[in-house]
Protein backbone atom coordinates (compact mmCIF):
# COMPACT_ATOMS: atom_id res chain seq x y z
CA UNK A 1 40.35 46.68 -1.76
CA UNK A 2 42.13 49.25 -3.89
CA UNK A 3 44.48 48.09 -6.65
CA UNK A 4 47.01 50.19 -8.51
CA UNK A 5 47.74 48.32 -11.73
CA UNK A 6 50.64 49.11 -14.03
CA UNK A 7 51.05 48.19 -17.67
CA UNK A 8 54.81 48.81 -17.76
CA UNK A 9 56.48 50.60 -20.62
CA UNK A 10 59.20 53.15 -21.18
CA UNK A 11 57.42 55.27 -23.79
CA UNK A 12 53.95 54.85 -22.25
CA UNK A 13 53.42 53.37 -18.81
CA UNK A 14 49.72 52.71 -18.24
CA UNK A 15 48.33 53.26 -14.75
CA UNK A 16 44.90 52.38 -13.40
CA UNK A 17 43.36 52.39 -9.95
CA UNK A 18 40.25 50.28 -9.33
CA UNK A 19 38.44 49.78 -6.05
CA UNK A 20 36.13 46.94 -5.06
CA UNK A 21 33.45 46.64 -2.43
CA UNK A 22 31.11 43.81 -1.44
CA UNK A 23 31.79 40.21 -0.52
CA UNK A 24 32.70 37.38 -2.84
CA UNK A 25 33.65 37.52 -6.49
CA UNK A 26 30.04 37.47 -7.69
CA UNK A 27 28.84 40.22 -5.35
CA UNK A 28 31.86 42.43 -5.66
CA UNK A 29 31.23 45.90 -7.10
CA UNK A 30 34.06 47.68 -8.84
CA UNK A 31 34.66 51.29 -9.72
CA UNK A 32 37.43 53.16 -11.45
CA UNK A 33 39.26 55.63 -9.21
CA UNK A 34 41.81 56.93 -11.73
CA UNK A 35 43.43 56.10 -15.04
CA UNK A 36 46.34 57.64 -16.91
CA UNK A 37 49.66 57.22 -18.62
CA UNK A 38 53.20 58.33 -17.80
CA UNK A 39 54.87 59.26 -21.10
CA UNK A 40 58.55 59.73 -21.84
CA UNK A 41 60.04 61.07 -25.09
CA UNK A 42 61.93 58.37 -27.00
CA UNK A 43 64.70 60.83 -27.91
CA UNK A 44 65.64 61.41 -24.26
CA UNK A 45 68.39 59.36 -22.56
CA UNK A 46 67.16 56.16 -20.91
CA UNK A 47 68.17 57.19 -17.35
CA UNK A 48 66.08 60.38 -17.66
CA UNK A 49 63.13 58.41 -18.98
CA UNK A 50 63.36 55.88 -16.15
CA UNK A 51 63.49 58.72 -13.64
CA UNK A 52 60.34 60.24 -15.14
CA UNK A 53 58.53 56.88 -14.92
CA UNK A 54 59.72 56.37 -11.32
CA UNK A 55 58.54 59.83 -10.29
CA UNK A 56 55.18 59.24 -11.95
CA UNK A 57 54.75 55.94 -10.10
CA UNK A 58 55.69 57.50 -6.76
CA UNK A 59 53.16 60.27 -7.34
CA UNK A 60 50.36 57.77 -8.07
CA UNK A 61 51.25 55.67 -5.03
CA UNK A 62 51.21 58.76 -2.81
CA UNK A 63 47.94 60.06 -4.22
CA UNK A 64 45.92 56.85 -4.33
CA UNK A 65 47.29 54.77 -1.39
CA UNK A 66 46.59 51.33 -2.90
CA UNK A 67 46.35 48.12 -0.87
CA UNK A 68 48.17 46.15 -3.55
CA UNK A 69 50.08 46.77 -6.76
CA UNK A 70 49.47 44.61 -9.83
CA UNK A 71 51.97 44.50 -12.69
CA UNK A 72 51.76 42.84 -16.07
CA UNK A 73 54.35 40.07 -16.28
CA UNK A 74 56.96 40.82 -18.94
CA UNK A 75 57.44 38.31 -21.73
CA UNK A 76 60.22 38.13 -24.30
CA UNK A 77 59.13 39.40 -27.68
CA UNK A 78 60.79 39.80 -31.05
CA UNK A 79 61.74 43.42 -30.29
CA UNK A 80 64.50 43.12 -27.66
CA UNK A 81 64.74 46.90 -27.21
CA UNK A 82 61.03 47.11 -26.39
CA UNK A 83 61.27 44.23 -23.93
CA UNK A 84 64.21 45.89 -22.16
CA UNK A 85 62.26 49.11 -21.64
CA UNK A 86 59.23 47.19 -20.41
CA UNK A 87 61.35 45.14 -18.00
CA UNK A 88 63.10 48.23 -16.68
CA UNK A 89 59.76 49.97 -16.05
CA UNK A 90 58.40 46.84 -14.33
CA UNK A 91 61.47 46.81 -12.07
CA UNK A 92 60.73 50.38 -11.02
CA UNK A 93 57.22 49.33 -10.00
CA UNK A 94 58.54 46.47 -7.88
CA UNK A 95 61.02 48.74 -6.09
CA UNK A 96 58.44 51.49 -5.47
CA UNK A 97 55.97 48.98 -4.00
CA UNK A 98 58.66 47.30 -1.88
CA UNK A 99 59.66 50.65 -0.37
CA UNK A 100 56.10 51.03 0.92
CA UNK A 101 55.74 47.41 2.03
CA UNK A 102 52.94 46.84 -0.49
CA UNK A 103 52.24 43.36 -1.83
CA UNK A 104 52.85 42.97 -5.56
CA UNK A 105 51.03 40.60 -7.90
CA UNK A 106 52.07 39.76 -11.44
CA UNK A 107 49.63 38.55 -14.09
CA UNK A 108 50.29 37.42 -17.63
CA UNK A 109 48.59 39.15 -20.57
CA UNK A 110 46.56 36.00 -21.30
CA UNK A 111 45.37 35.83 -17.66
CA UNK A 112 44.23 39.44 -17.88
CA UNK A 113 42.40 38.90 -21.19
CA UNK A 114 40.71 35.75 -19.90
CA UNK A 115 39.59 37.43 -16.67
CA UNK A 116 38.05 40.42 -18.45
CA UNK A 117 36.72 38.93 -21.71
CA UNK A 118 36.56 35.18 -21.07
CA UNK A 119 39.19 34.51 -23.73
CA UNK A 120 42.96 34.56 -23.29
CA UNK A 121 43.28 35.40 -26.99
CA UNK A 122 41.11 38.52 -27.04
CA UNK A 123 42.47 41.52 -28.93
CA UNK A 124 43.04 44.99 -27.47
CA UNK A 125 39.73 46.34 -28.78
CA UNK A 126 37.78 43.53 -27.09
CA UNK A 127 39.62 44.15 -23.81
CA UNK A 128 38.98 47.91 -24.01
CA UNK A 129 35.29 47.34 -24.79
CA UNK A 130 34.83 45.02 -21.80
CA UNK A 131 36.74 47.32 -19.43
CA UNK A 132 34.50 50.20 -20.54
CA UNK A 133 31.39 48.11 -19.96
CA UNK A 134 32.41 46.55 -16.63
CA UNK A 135 33.43 49.89 -15.12
CA UNK A 136 30.47 51.76 -16.61
CA UNK A 137 32.66 54.35 -18.31
CA UNK A 138 31.22 56.97 -20.66
CA UNK A 139 34.05 56.46 -23.16
CA UNK A 140 36.78 53.87 -23.70
CA UNK A 141 39.99 54.73 -21.86
CA UNK A 142 42.76 55.85 -24.24
CA UNK A 143 45.45 55.04 -25.09
CA UNK A 144 45.37 51.25 -25.02
CA UNK A 145 48.00 51.21 -22.24
CA UNK A 146 45.49 52.91 -19.91
CA UNK A 147 42.78 50.39 -20.76
CA UNK A 148 45.28 47.55 -20.24
CA UNK A 149 46.11 48.87 -16.77
CA UNK A 150 42.42 48.91 -15.81
CA UNK A 151 41.99 45.38 -17.19
CA UNK A 152 44.96 44.27 -15.10
CA UNK A 153 43.40 45.79 -11.97
CA UNK A 154 40.11 43.98 -12.67
CA UNK A 155 41.98 40.73 -13.24
CA UNK A 156 43.68 41.05 -9.90
CA UNK A 157 40.46 41.84 -8.06
CA UNK A 158 38.74 38.81 -9.52
CA UNK A 159 41.57 36.29 -9.71
CA UNK A 160 44.41 37.36 -7.48
CA UNK A 161 42.90 38.98 -4.39
CA UNK A 162 42.85 35.71 -2.41
CA UNK A 163 46.46 35.00 -3.31
CA UNK A 164 47.46 38.50 -2.25
CA UNK A 165 45.81 38.04 1.16
CA UNK A 166 47.66 34.75 1.66
CA UNK A 167 50.98 36.31 0.63
CA UNK A 168 50.41 39.29 2.92
CA UNK A 169 49.62 36.94 5.83
CA UNK A 170 52.73 34.87 5.14
CA UNK A 171 54.84 38.03 4.94
CA UNK A 172 53.38 39.27 8.23
CA UNK A 173 54.09 35.90 9.90
CA UNK A 174 57.67 35.96 8.60
CA UNK A 175 58.27 39.48 9.89
CA UNK A 176 56.65 38.63 13.24
CA UNK A 177 58.74 35.47 13.48
CA UNK A 178 61.93 37.42 12.86
CA UNK A 179 60.98 40.02 15.45
CA UNK A 180 60.27 37.27 17.99
CA UNK A 181 63.61 35.63 17.20
CA UNK A 182 65.45 38.94 17.67
CA UNK A 183 63.60 39.60 20.93
CA UNK A 184 64.47 36.13 22.25
CA UNK A 185 68.13 36.62 21.31
CA UNK A 186 68.14 39.96 23.12
CA UNK A 187 66.57 38.40 26.24
CA UNK A 188 69.14 35.57 26.17
CA UNK A 189 71.97 38.08 25.85
CA UNK A 190 70.60 40.07 28.79
CA UNK A 191 70.55 36.91 30.99
CA UNK A 192 74.23 36.14 30.37
CA UNK A 193 76.51 37.18 33.20
CA UNK A 194 78.75 40.10 32.37
CA UNK A 195 82.46 39.29 32.75
CA UNK A 196 84.58 41.33 35.18
CA UNK A 197 87.12 43.72 33.78
CA UNK A 198 90.69 42.73 34.62
């Protein structure tokens, strides 16, 4: 399974792609495919910045063809302006994934920290150190937004993959059910006698 994880932000939007192989959580091997950050200058107008983030996301989705997209769930903080930018960037991720029919999973920061370090209260340095160790990287990913995206991808692989499969199956059943309903309606319409023109 290949996960594109996004740590949403307007100034720095962290992106990480992690791939797993092997069966079961214990036997699953993980490797980093790519990591990076989409940056936008704070002095630019918000619509331009959102466009830059959207284009960056589209480029990553095209290049890496993930099976699922994981996004950090946005929480209200003291800085309303920061939360707005984060929420707007997260919305772009949801739209980009929906356009491609990709399942989306959302994980809280504490879920991510707990999955990677064992503690939901771990600080950024602890998370970065564990991500570096788990993925066997030569150096810690920088900036912190990049490391957070990789941690989010690992969290999803270990905690959310089963949920994603269930959601994908439910979505497929819903789509199939709708198609069957439309087909039945079309067959019923075809069986109705056509009235004569007067």
